[in-house]
Amino acid sequence: MALEISIIQEKITQKFGEKSFAFTMSKDIFTFEVTPDAVFEVIQFLKENQDLNFHFLTDLCGIHYPDNDANHQFAIVYHLHNWVENVRIRVKTYLAESQRVDSIIPLFQCANWMERETWDFYGIEFSGHPQLKRILNMDEMISHPMRKEFPMEDSGRTDKDDRFFGRTITNS
């Protein structure tokens, strides 16, 4: 029997109730949101449940939404894949700037570098991460460069206008 989207949604809803919501198909991938405190449990359930078998973490990344309300400024997006049924899903959670989310390294070792990259570029902290430090930027850097409040590059460059990348520059 093929793994149907309705089965995934039903199992998630039964197990996590109001901690899971906003179920939708987005760009041909089944997507849903979870509360930040439930991320680890939901991903563990998706991996360990015999009917779901999402044993592969394809990607984990951060997003900055500066125009959202304070409790939804940042998002973490997890892409999981069930190799047996060839089904992909996307799990999202929204955070406030100072909010943390549990590391999923105990479930997927490959999350180590992905979480470090997310912290490096967005400043999103993962509780329980064994070595949350810079991975691509210099250790001396004090900012997280993918946040929209930071200008992209040299202001003299005409080919990299911040307005084209969703950044607004305020003159202080």
N, C-alpha and C. Protein backbone atom coordinates (compact mmCIF):
# COMPACT_ATOMS: atom_id res chain seq x y z
N MET A 1 0.84 -1.18 0.00
CA MET A 1 0.00 0.00 0.00
C MET A 1 0.88 1.24 0.00
N ALA A 2 0.60 2.17 -0.87
CA ALA A 2 1.38 3.40 -0.98
C ALA A 2 1.09 4.31 0.21
N LEU A 3 2.10 5.05 0.61
CA LEU A 3 1.95 5.98 1.71
C LEU A 3 1.23 7.24 1.20
N GLU A 4 0.00 7.41 1.65
CA GLU A 4 -0.82 8.53 1.22
C GLU A 4 -0.62 9.72 2.15
N ILE A 5 -0.75 10.92 1.60
CA ILE A 5 -0.64 12.15 2.38
C ILE A 5 -1.67 12.18 3.51
N SER A 6 -2.86 11.70 3.23
CA SER A 6 -3.91 11.69 4.25
C SER A 6 -3.52 10.82 5.44
N ILE A 7 -2.80 9.73 5.20
CA ILE A 7 -2.35 8.85 6.29
C ILE A 7 -1.32 9.57 7.15
N ILE A 8 -0.39 10.28 6.50
CA ILE A 8 0.64 11.03 7.24
C ILE A 8 -0.04 12.08 8.12
N GLN A 9 -0.96 12.83 7.53
CA GLN A 9 -1.66 13.88 8.27
C GLN A 9 -2.45 13.30 9.44
N GLU A 10 -3.14 12.22 9.20
CA GLU A 10 -3.95 11.59 10.25
C GLU A 10 -3.08 11.13 11.42
N LYS A 11 -1.96 10.48 11.12
CA LYS A 11 -1.08 9.99 12.18
C LYS A 11 -0.47 11.14 12.98
N ILE A 12 -0.05 12.19 12.28
CA ILE A 12 0.54 13.35 12.96
C ILE A 12 -0.51 14.04 13.83
N THR A 13 -1.70 14.23 13.31
CA THR A 13 -2.76 14.89 14.04
C THR A 13 -3.18 14.08 15.27
N GLN A 14 -3.30 12.77 15.11
CA GLN A 14 -3.66 11.91 16.24
C GLN A 14 -2.62 11.97 17.35
N LYS A 15 -1.37 11.96 16.98
CA LYS A 15 -0.29 11.91 17.97
C LYS A 15 -0.01 13.27 18.61
N PHE A 16 -0.06 14.35 17.81
CA PHE A 16 0.40 15.65 18.31
C PHE A 16 -0.68 16.72 18.43
N GLY A 17 -1.87 16.45 17.94
CA GLY A 17 -2.99 17.37 18.11
C GLY A 17 -2.69 18.79 17.65
N GLU A 18 -2.89 19.75 18.56
CA GLU A 18 -2.74 21.16 18.21
C GLU A 18 -1.29 21.60 18.04
N LYS A 19 -0.34 20.73 18.34
CA LYS A 19 1.07 21.07 18.12
C LYS A 19 1.45 20.94 16.65
N SER A 20 0.56 20.37 15.85
CA SER A 20 0.78 20.26 14.40
C SER A 20 -0.43 20.88 13.70
N PHE A 21 -0.17 21.65 12.65
CA PHE A 21 -1.24 22.39 11.99
C PHE A 21 -0.78 22.86 10.61
N ALA A 22 -1.63 23.58 9.92
CA ALA A 22 -1.35 24.16 8.60
C ALA A 22 -0.87 23.12 7.60
N PHE A 23 -1.61 22.03 7.49
CA PHE A 23 -1.27 20.97 6.53
C PHE A 23 -1.64 21.43 5.13
N THR A 24 -0.71 21.32 4.21
CA THR A 24 -0.95 21.78 2.84
C THR A 24 0.02 21.11 1.87
N MET A 25 -0.33 21.16 0.60
CA MET A 25 0.61 20.76 -0.45
C MET A 25 1.23 22.05 -0.97
N SER A 26 2.54 22.12 -0.93
CA SER A 26 3.24 23.32 -1.39
C SER A 26 4.34 22.90 -2.35
N LYS A 27 4.19 23.29 -3.59
CA LYS A 27 5.16 22.93 -4.63
C LYS A 27 5.38 21.42 -4.68
N ASP A 28 4.29 20.68 -4.66
CA ASP A 28 4.28 19.22 -4.75
C ASP A 28 4.93 18.51 -3.57
N ILE A 29 5.10 19.19 -2.44
CA ILE A 29 5.61 18.55 -1.24
C ILE A 29 4.62 18.79 -0.11
N PHE A 30 4.25 17.72 0.56
CA PHE A 30 3.35 17.84 1.70
C PHE A 30 4.06 18.60 2.80
N THR A 31 3.44 19.68 3.27
CA THR A 31 4.06 20.59 4.22
C THR A 31 3.13 20.80 5.41
N PHE A 32 3.72 20.88 6.59
CA PHE A 32 2.94 21.24 7.77
C PHE A 32 3.85 21.93 8.77
N GLU A 33 3.20 22.61 9.72
CA GLU A 33 3.92 23.33 10.76
C GLU A 33 3.75 22.62 12.09
N VAL A 34 4.75 22.81 12.94
CA VAL A 34 4.69 22.30 14.31
C VAL A 34 5.17 23.41 15.25
N THR A 35 4.75 23.32 16.50
CA THR A 35 5.24 24.28 17.48
C THR A 35 6.70 23.96 17.78
N PRO A 36 7.51 24.98 18.12
CA PRO A 36 8.94 24.75 18.36
C PRO A 36 9.24 23.69 19.42
N ASP A 37 8.40 23.59 20.44
CA ASP A 37 8.65 22.63 21.50
C ASP A 37 8.38 21.18 21.07
N ALA A 38 7.74 21.00 19.93
CA ALA A 38 7.39 19.65 19.47
C ALA A 38 8.25 19.16 18.31
N VAL A 39 9.18 19.96 17.84
CA VAL A 39 9.97 19.60 16.65
C VAL A 39 10.66 18.25 16.82
N PHE A 40 11.39 18.08 17.89
CA PHE A 40 12.14 16.83 18.08
C PHE A 40 11.20 15.64 18.10
N GLU A 41 10.13 15.73 18.87
CA GLU A 41 9.18 14.61 18.99
C GLU A 41 8.53 14.27 17.65
N VAL A 42 8.16 15.28 16.88
CA VAL A 42 7.50 15.05 15.59
C VAL A 42 8.46 14.36 14.62
N ILE A 43 9.68 14.87 14.54
CA ILE A 43 10.65 14.27 13.61
C ILE A 43 11.02 12.86 14.06
N GLN A 44 11.12 12.64 15.36
CA GLN A 44 11.38 11.30 15.86
C GLN A 44 10.24 10.35 15.48
N PHE A 45 9.02 10.82 15.62
CA PHE A 45 7.84 10.02 15.25
C PHE A 45 7.85 9.70 13.76
N LEU A 46 8.15 10.70 12.93
CA LEU A 46 8.19 10.49 11.48
C LEU A 46 9.26 9.46 11.10
N LYS A 47 10.35 9.45 11.82
CA LYS A 47 11.43 8.52 11.52
C LYS A 47 11.13 7.11 12.05
N GLU A 48 10.63 7.01 13.27
CA GLU A 48 10.52 5.71 13.93
C GLU A 48 9.20 4.99 13.73
N ASN A 49 8.16 5.70 13.31
CA ASN A 49 6.87 5.04 13.09
C ASN A 49 6.99 4.08 11.91
N GLN A 50 6.58 2.82 12.12
CA GLN A 50 6.72 1.78 11.10
C GLN A 50 5.95 2.08 9.81
N ASP A 51 4.86 2.83 9.91
CA ASP A 51 4.07 3.15 8.73
C ASP A 51 4.59 4.36 7.96
N LEU A 52 5.41 5.18 8.59
CA LEU A 52 5.88 6.42 7.96
C LEU A 52 7.30 6.29 7.41
N ASN A 53 8.24 5.86 8.21
CA ASN A 53 9.62 5.55 7.76
C ASN A 53 10.34 6.70 7.05
N PHE A 54 10.30 7.90 7.61
CA PHE A 54 11.07 9.01 7.04
C PHE A 54 12.48 8.95 7.64
N HIS A 55 13.31 8.09 7.04
CA HIS A 55 14.64 7.80 7.57
C HIS A 55 15.75 8.67 7.00
N PHE A 56 15.42 9.62 6.16
CA PHE A 56 16.47 10.43 5.54
C PHE A 56 16.16 11.90 5.71
N LEU A 57 17.08 12.63 6.34
CA LEU A 57 16.97 14.08 6.45
C LEU A 57 17.67 14.68 5.23
N THR A 58 16.87 15.21 4.32
CA THR A 58 17.43 15.79 3.10
C THR A 58 18.06 17.14 3.37
N ASP A 59 17.37 17.96 4.17
CA ASP A 59 17.85 19.32 4.41
C ASP A 59 17.24 19.88 5.68
N LEU A 60 17.94 20.83 6.25
CA LEU A 60 17.48 21.60 7.39
C LEU A 60 18.03 22.99 7.16
N CYS A 61 17.20 24.01 7.20
CA CYS A 61 17.69 25.36 6.94
C CYS A 61 16.87 26.39 7.70
N GLY A 62 17.39 27.59 7.77
CA GLY A 62 16.71 28.69 8.42
C GLY A 62 16.20 29.70 7.40
N ILE A 63 15.24 30.50 7.83
CA ILE A 63 14.70 31.60 7.02
C ILE A 63 14.42 32.76 7.95
N HIS A 64 14.68 33.97 7.48
CA HIS A 64 14.37 35.16 8.27
C HIS A 64 13.21 35.90 7.61
N TYR A 65 12.17 36.17 8.39
CA TYR A 65 11.00 36.92 7.94
C TYR A 65 10.91 38.20 8.78
N PRO A 66 11.63 39.25 8.42
CA PRO A 66 11.66 40.45 9.26
C PRO A 66 10.33 41.17 9.38
N ASP A 67 9.42 40.97 8.44
CA ASP A 67 8.13 41.66 8.48
C ASP A 67 7.08 40.91 9.29
N ASN A 68 7.38 39.68 9.70
CA ASN A 68 6.44 38.91 10.53
C ASN A 68 6.41 39.47 11.96
N ASP A 69 5.41 39.06 12.73
CA ASP A 69 5.36 39.48 14.13
C ASP A 69 6.55 38.88 14.88
N ALA A 70 6.82 39.40 16.05
CA ALA A 70 8.03 39.04 16.81
C ALA A 70 8.15 37.56 17.10
N ASN A 71 7.04 36.84 17.25
CA ASN A 71 7.11 35.40 17.55
C ASN A 71 7.30 34.53 16.32
N HIS A 72 7.31 35.13 15.14
CA HIS A 72 7.45 34.38 13.90
C HIS A 72 8.53 34.98 12.99
N GLN A 73 9.55 35.58 13.59
CA GLN A 73 10.62 36.23 12.82
C GLN A 73 11.50 35.23 12.06
N PHE A 74 11.67 34.04 12.63
CA PHE A 74 12.56 33.04 12.03
C PHE A 74 11.82 31.73 11.84
N ALA A 75 12.25 30.99 10.85
CA ALA A 75 11.67 29.67 10.60
C ALA A 75 12.80 28.67 10.42
N ILE A 76 12.54 27.45 10.83
CA ILE A 76 13.43 26.34 10.51
C ILE A 76 12.60 25.38 9.68
N VAL A 77 13.18 24.94 8.58
CA VAL A 77 12.50 24.04 7.66
C VAL A 77 13.29 22.74 7.58
N TYR A 78 12.58 21.64 7.78
CA TYR A 78 13.17 20.30 7.71
C TYR A 78 12.56 19.58 6.52
N HIS A 79 13.38 18.99 5.66
CA HIS A 79 12.90 18.17 4.56
C HIS A 79 13.28 16.72 4.86
N LEU A 80 12.29 15.85 4.87
CA LEU A 80 12.50 14.43 5.15
C LEU A 80 12.05 13.60 3.96
N HIS A 81 12.67 12.42 3.82
CA HIS A 81 12.38 11.57 2.67
C HIS A 81 12.18 10.12 3.14
N ASN A 82 11.11 9.51 2.67
CA ASN A 82 10.87 8.09 2.85
C ASN A 82 11.34 7.42 1.56
N TRP A 83 12.47 6.73 1.63
CA TRP A 83 13.05 6.10 0.44
C TRP A 83 12.21 4.94 -0.08
N VAL A 84 11.58 4.22 0.80
CA VAL A 84 10.83 3.03 0.40
C VAL A 84 9.64 3.42 -0.49
N GLU A 85 8.88 4.41 -0.04
CA GLU A 85 7.69 4.85 -0.78
C GLU A 85 7.99 6.05 -1.69
N ASN A 86 9.21 6.57 -1.63
CA ASN A 86 9.63 7.76 -2.38
C ASN A 86 8.68 8.95 -2.12
N VAL A 87 8.51 9.26 -0.84
CA VAL A 87 7.65 10.37 -0.42
C VAL A 87 8.51 11.37 0.33
N ARG A 88 8.33 12.63 0.00
CA ARG A 88 9.04 13.72 0.68
C ARG A 88 8.05 14.57 1.44
N ILE A 89 8.51 15.09 2.60
CA ILE A 89 7.67 16.02 3.36
C ILE A 89 8.52 17.18 3.86
N ARG A 90 7.84 18.26 4.17
CA ARG A 90 8.49 19.46 4.71
C ARG A 90 7.82 19.79 6.04
N VAL A 91 8.65 19.96 7.08
CA VAL A 91 8.16 20.32 8.41
C VAL A 91 8.74 21.70 8.73
N LYS A 92 7.85 22.63 9.14
CA LYS A 92 8.30 23.99 9.45
C LYS A 92 7.95 24.34 10.89
N THR A 93 8.80 25.16 11.48
CA THR A 93 8.47 25.73 12.78
C THR A 93 8.94 27.18 12.78
N TYR A 94 8.18 28.04 13.44
CA TYR A 94 8.50 29.47 13.52
C TYR A 94 8.94 29.82 14.93
N LEU A 95 9.93 30.72 15.01
CA LEU A 95 10.52 31.09 16.28
C LEU A 95 10.64 32.59 16.44
N ALA A 96 10.70 33.02 17.68
CA ALA A 96 11.10 34.39 17.99
C ALA A 96 12.63 34.44 17.93
N GLU A 97 13.18 35.63 17.85
CA GLU A 97 14.64 35.76 17.73
C GLU A 97 15.40 35.07 18.85
N SER A 98 14.93 35.16 20.06
CA SER A 98 15.65 34.61 21.20
C SER A 98 15.26 33.16 21.52
N GLN A 99 14.34 32.60 20.78
CA GLN A 99 13.84 31.25 21.06
C GLN A 99 14.79 30.19 20.53
N ARG A 100 14.85 29.07 21.21
CA ARG A 100 15.68 27.94 20.80
C ARG A 100 14.80 26.77 20.39
N VAL A 101 15.39 25.86 19.67
CA VAL A 101 14.71 24.62 19.31
C VAL A 101 15.68 23.47 19.59
N ASP A 102 15.15 22.30 19.93
CA ASP A 102 16.00 21.16 20.24
C ASP A 102 16.74 20.66 19.00
N SER A 103 17.99 20.30 19.20
CA SER A 103 18.79 19.71 18.14
C SER A 103 18.22 18.33 17.78
N ILE A 104 18.29 17.98 16.51
CA ILE A 104 17.84 16.64 16.09
C ILE A 104 19.02 15.73 15.77
N ILE A 105 20.21 16.11 16.22
CA ILE A 105 21.39 15.28 15.99
C ILE A 105 21.23 13.86 16.54
N PRO A 106 20.57 13.66 17.71
CA PRO A 106 20.38 12.27 18.15
C PRO A 106 19.58 11.41 17.16
N LEU A 107 18.81 12.05 16.30
CA LEU A 107 18.02 11.33 15.30
C LEU A 107 18.76 11.20 13.97
N PHE A 108 19.44 12.28 13.57
CA PHE A 108 20.16 12.33 12.29
C PHE A 108 21.51 12.99 12.52
N GLN A 109 22.58 12.23 12.45
CA GLN A 109 23.91 12.79 12.65
C GLN A 109 24.25 13.89 11.64
N CYS A 110 23.70 13.78 10.43
CA CYS A 110 23.98 14.77 9.40
C CYS A 110 23.43 16.15 9.77
N ALA A 111 22.53 16.22 10.74
CA ALA A 111 21.98 17.51 11.17
C ALA A 111 23.04 18.37 11.84
N ASN A 112 24.14 17.78 12.27
CA ASN A 112 25.20 18.53 12.94
C ASN A 112 25.63 19.73 12.10
N TRP A 113 26.06 19.50 10.89
CA TRP A 113 26.55 20.59 10.05
C TRP A 113 25.41 21.50 9.60
N MET A 114 24.25 20.93 9.35
CA MET A 114 23.11 21.75 8.92
C MET A 114 22.69 22.72 10.03
N GLU A 115 22.68 22.26 11.26
CA GLU A 115 22.33 23.14 12.39
C GLU A 115 23.42 24.19 12.61
N ARG A 116 24.67 23.79 12.45
CA ARG A 116 25.75 24.76 12.59
C ARG A 116 25.65 25.85 11.51
N GLU A 117 25.35 25.45 10.29
CA GLU A 117 25.20 26.42 9.21
C GLU A 117 24.02 27.36 9.48
N THR A 118 22.91 26.82 9.98
CA THR A 118 21.73 27.63 10.30
C THR A 118 22.07 28.62 11.41
N TRP A 119 22.80 28.20 12.42
CA TRP A 119 23.22 29.12 13.47
C TRP A 119 24.18 30.15 12.92
N ASP A 120 25.14 29.71 12.12
CA ASP A 120 26.16 30.60 11.56
C ASP A 120 25.52 31.74 10.75
N PHE A 121 24.54 31.42 9.93
CA PHE A 121 23.96 32.43 9.04
C PHE A 121 22.76 33.18 9.63
N TYR A 122 22.02 32.55 10.55
CA TYR A 122 20.79 33.18 11.07
C TYR A 122 20.81 33.43 12.58
N GLY A 123 21.71 32.81 13.29
CA GLY A 123 21.75 32.97 14.75
C GLY A 123 20.71 32.14 15.48
N ILE A 124 20.10 31.19 14.81
CA ILE A 124 19.11 30.31 15.44
C ILE A 124 19.87 29.27 16.26
N GLU A 125 19.53 29.18 17.55
CA GLU A 125 20.24 28.28 18.45
C GLU A 125 19.51 26.95 18.61
N PHE A 126 20.30 25.87 18.68
CA PHE A 126 19.78 24.52 18.82
C PHE A 126 20.22 23.97 20.17
N SER A 127 19.28 23.77 21.06
CA SER A 127 19.58 23.23 22.39
C SER A 127 20.10 21.80 22.26
N GLY A 128 21.18 21.52 22.97
CA GLY A 128 21.74 20.18 22.96
C GLY A 128 22.73 19.93 21.83
N HIS A 129 22.99 20.93 21.00
CA HIS A 129 23.98 20.74 19.93
C HIS A 129 25.36 20.63 20.58
N PRO A 130 26.17 19.63 20.20
CA PRO A 130 27.45 19.40 20.87
C PRO A 130 28.54 20.43 20.55
N GLN A 131 28.42 21.16 19.45
CA GLN A 131 29.49 22.07 19.05
C GLN A 131 28.94 23.18 18.16
N LEU A 132 28.06 23.99 18.70
CA LEU A 132 27.41 25.04 17.92
C LEU A 132 28.38 26.22 17.75
N LYS A 133 29.12 26.21 16.64
CA LYS A 133 30.08 27.27 16.34
C LYS A 133 30.10 27.50 14.84
N ARG A 134 30.79 28.55 14.42
CA ARG A 134 30.85 28.90 13.00
C ARG A 134 31.32 27.71 12.18
N ILE A 135 30.75 27.61 10.97
CA ILE A 135 31.15 26.52 10.08
C ILE A 135 31.62 27.05 8.73
N LEU A 136 31.04 28.16 8.27
CA LEU A 136 31.42 28.71 6.97
C LEU A 136 31.98 30.14 7.06
N ASN A 137 31.57 30.88 8.07
CA ASN A 137 32.07 32.24 8.25
C ASN A 137 33.22 32.26 9.24
N MET A 138 33.93 33.37 9.25
CA MET A 138 35.08 33.52 10.14
C MET A 138 34.61 33.55 11.60
N ASP A 139 35.39 32.97 12.49
CA ASP A 139 35.06 32.95 13.91
C ASP A 139 34.92 34.36 14.48
N GLU A 140 35.65 35.33 13.92
CA GLU A 140 35.65 36.70 14.42
C GLU A 140 34.37 37.46 14.07
N MET A 141 33.55 36.90 13.21
CA MET A 141 32.32 37.58 12.79
C MET A 141 31.38 37.74 13.96
N ILE A 142 30.76 38.91 14.09
CA ILE A 142 29.82 39.13 15.19
C ILE A 142 28.37 39.10 14.73
N SER A 143 28.15 39.10 13.44
CA SER A 143 26.78 39.11 12.91
C SER A 143 26.45 37.76 12.28
N HIS A 144 25.21 37.62 11.92
CA HIS A 144 24.72 36.43 11.20
C HIS A 144 24.25 36.95 9.85
N PRO A 145 25.04 36.75 8.80
CA PRO A 145 24.88 37.50 7.55
C PRO A 145 23.62 37.25 6.72
N MET A 146 22.87 36.19 6.96
CA MET A 146 21.66 35.98 6.17
C MET A 146 20.44 36.66 6.78
N ARG A 147 20.60 37.28 7.93
CA ARG A 147 19.51 38.07 8.48
C ARG A 147 19.32 39.29 7.59
N LYS A 148 18.10 39.63 7.36
CA LYS A 148 17.81 40.69 6.41
C LYS A 148 18.22 42.08 6.90
N GLU A 149 18.49 42.25 8.20
CA GLU A 149 18.89 43.57 8.67
C GLU A 149 20.33 43.92 8.33
N PHE A 150 21.10 42.95 7.86
CA PHE A 150 22.47 43.21 7.50
C PHE A 150 22.60 43.43 5.99
N PRO A 151 23.29 44.49 5.57
CA PRO A 151 23.47 44.70 4.13
C PRO A 151 24.28 43.57 3.52
N MET A 152 24.01 43.30 2.25
CA MET A 152 24.65 42.15 1.62
C MET A 152 26.15 42.33 1.42
N GLU A 153 26.55 43.44 0.81
CA GLU A 153 27.95 43.61 0.49
C GLU A 153 28.32 45.08 0.44
N ASP A 154 29.40 45.35 -0.18
CA ASP A 154 29.91 46.70 -0.38
C ASP A 154 28.81 47.57 -0.99
N SER A 155 28.52 48.68 -0.35
CA SER A 155 27.43 49.54 -0.81
C SER A 155 27.72 50.18 -2.16
N GLY A 156 28.96 50.14 -2.60
CA GLY A 156 29.32 50.71 -3.90
C GLY A 156 29.00 49.82 -5.09
N ARG A 157 28.67 48.58 -4.83
CA ARG A 157 28.39 47.66 -5.93
C ARG A 157 26.99 47.90 -6.47
N THR A 158 26.87 47.98 -7.77
CA THR A 158 25.56 48.20 -8.38
C THR A 158 24.89 46.90 -8.78
N ASP A 159 25.64 45.80 -8.84
CA ASP A 159 25.05 44.53 -9.24
C ASP A 159 24.42 43.77 -8.07
N LYS A 160 24.59 44.26 -6.85
CA LYS A 160 24.04 43.59 -5.68
C LYS A 160 23.23 44.60 -4.86
N ASP A 161 22.11 45.02 -5.40
CA ASP A 161 21.24 45.97 -4.73
C ASP A 161 20.40 45.24 -3.68
N ASP A 162 20.52 45.64 -2.42
CA ASP A 162 19.82 44.97 -1.32
C ASP A 162 18.31 44.90 -1.53
N ARG A 163 17.75 45.88 -2.19
CA ARG A 163 16.29 45.89 -2.42
C ARG A 163 15.84 44.66 -3.20
N PHE A 164 16.69 44.13 -4.06
CA PHE A 164 16.33 42.97 -4.86
C PHE A 164 16.35 41.67 -4.07
N PHE A 165 16.85 41.70 -2.85
CA PHE A 165 16.99 40.51 -2.02
C PHE A 165 16.15 40.62 -0.74
N GLY A 166 15.16 41.52 -0.74
CA GLY A 166 14.25 41.64 0.39
C GLY A 166 14.82 42.37 1.59
N ARG A 167 15.91 43.09 1.36
CA ARG A 167 16.53 43.83 2.47
C ARG A 167 16.26 45.31 2.28
N THR A 168 15.95 45.96 3.35
CA THR A 168 15.78 47.40 3.30
C THR A 168 16.84 48.03 4.18
N ILE A 169 17.43 49.05 3.69
CA ILE A 169 18.51 49.75 4.42
C ILE A 169 17.93 51.03 5.00
N THR A 170 18.11 51.20 6.28
CA THR A 170 17.65 52.43 6.93
C THR A 170 18.86 53.28 7.27
N ASN A 171 18.76 54.55 7.00
CA ASN A 171 19.85 55.47 7.33
C ASN A 171 19.67 55.94 8.76
N SER A 172 20.60 55.58 9.61
CA SER A 172 20.49 55.97 11.01
C SER A 172 21.35 57.16 11.32
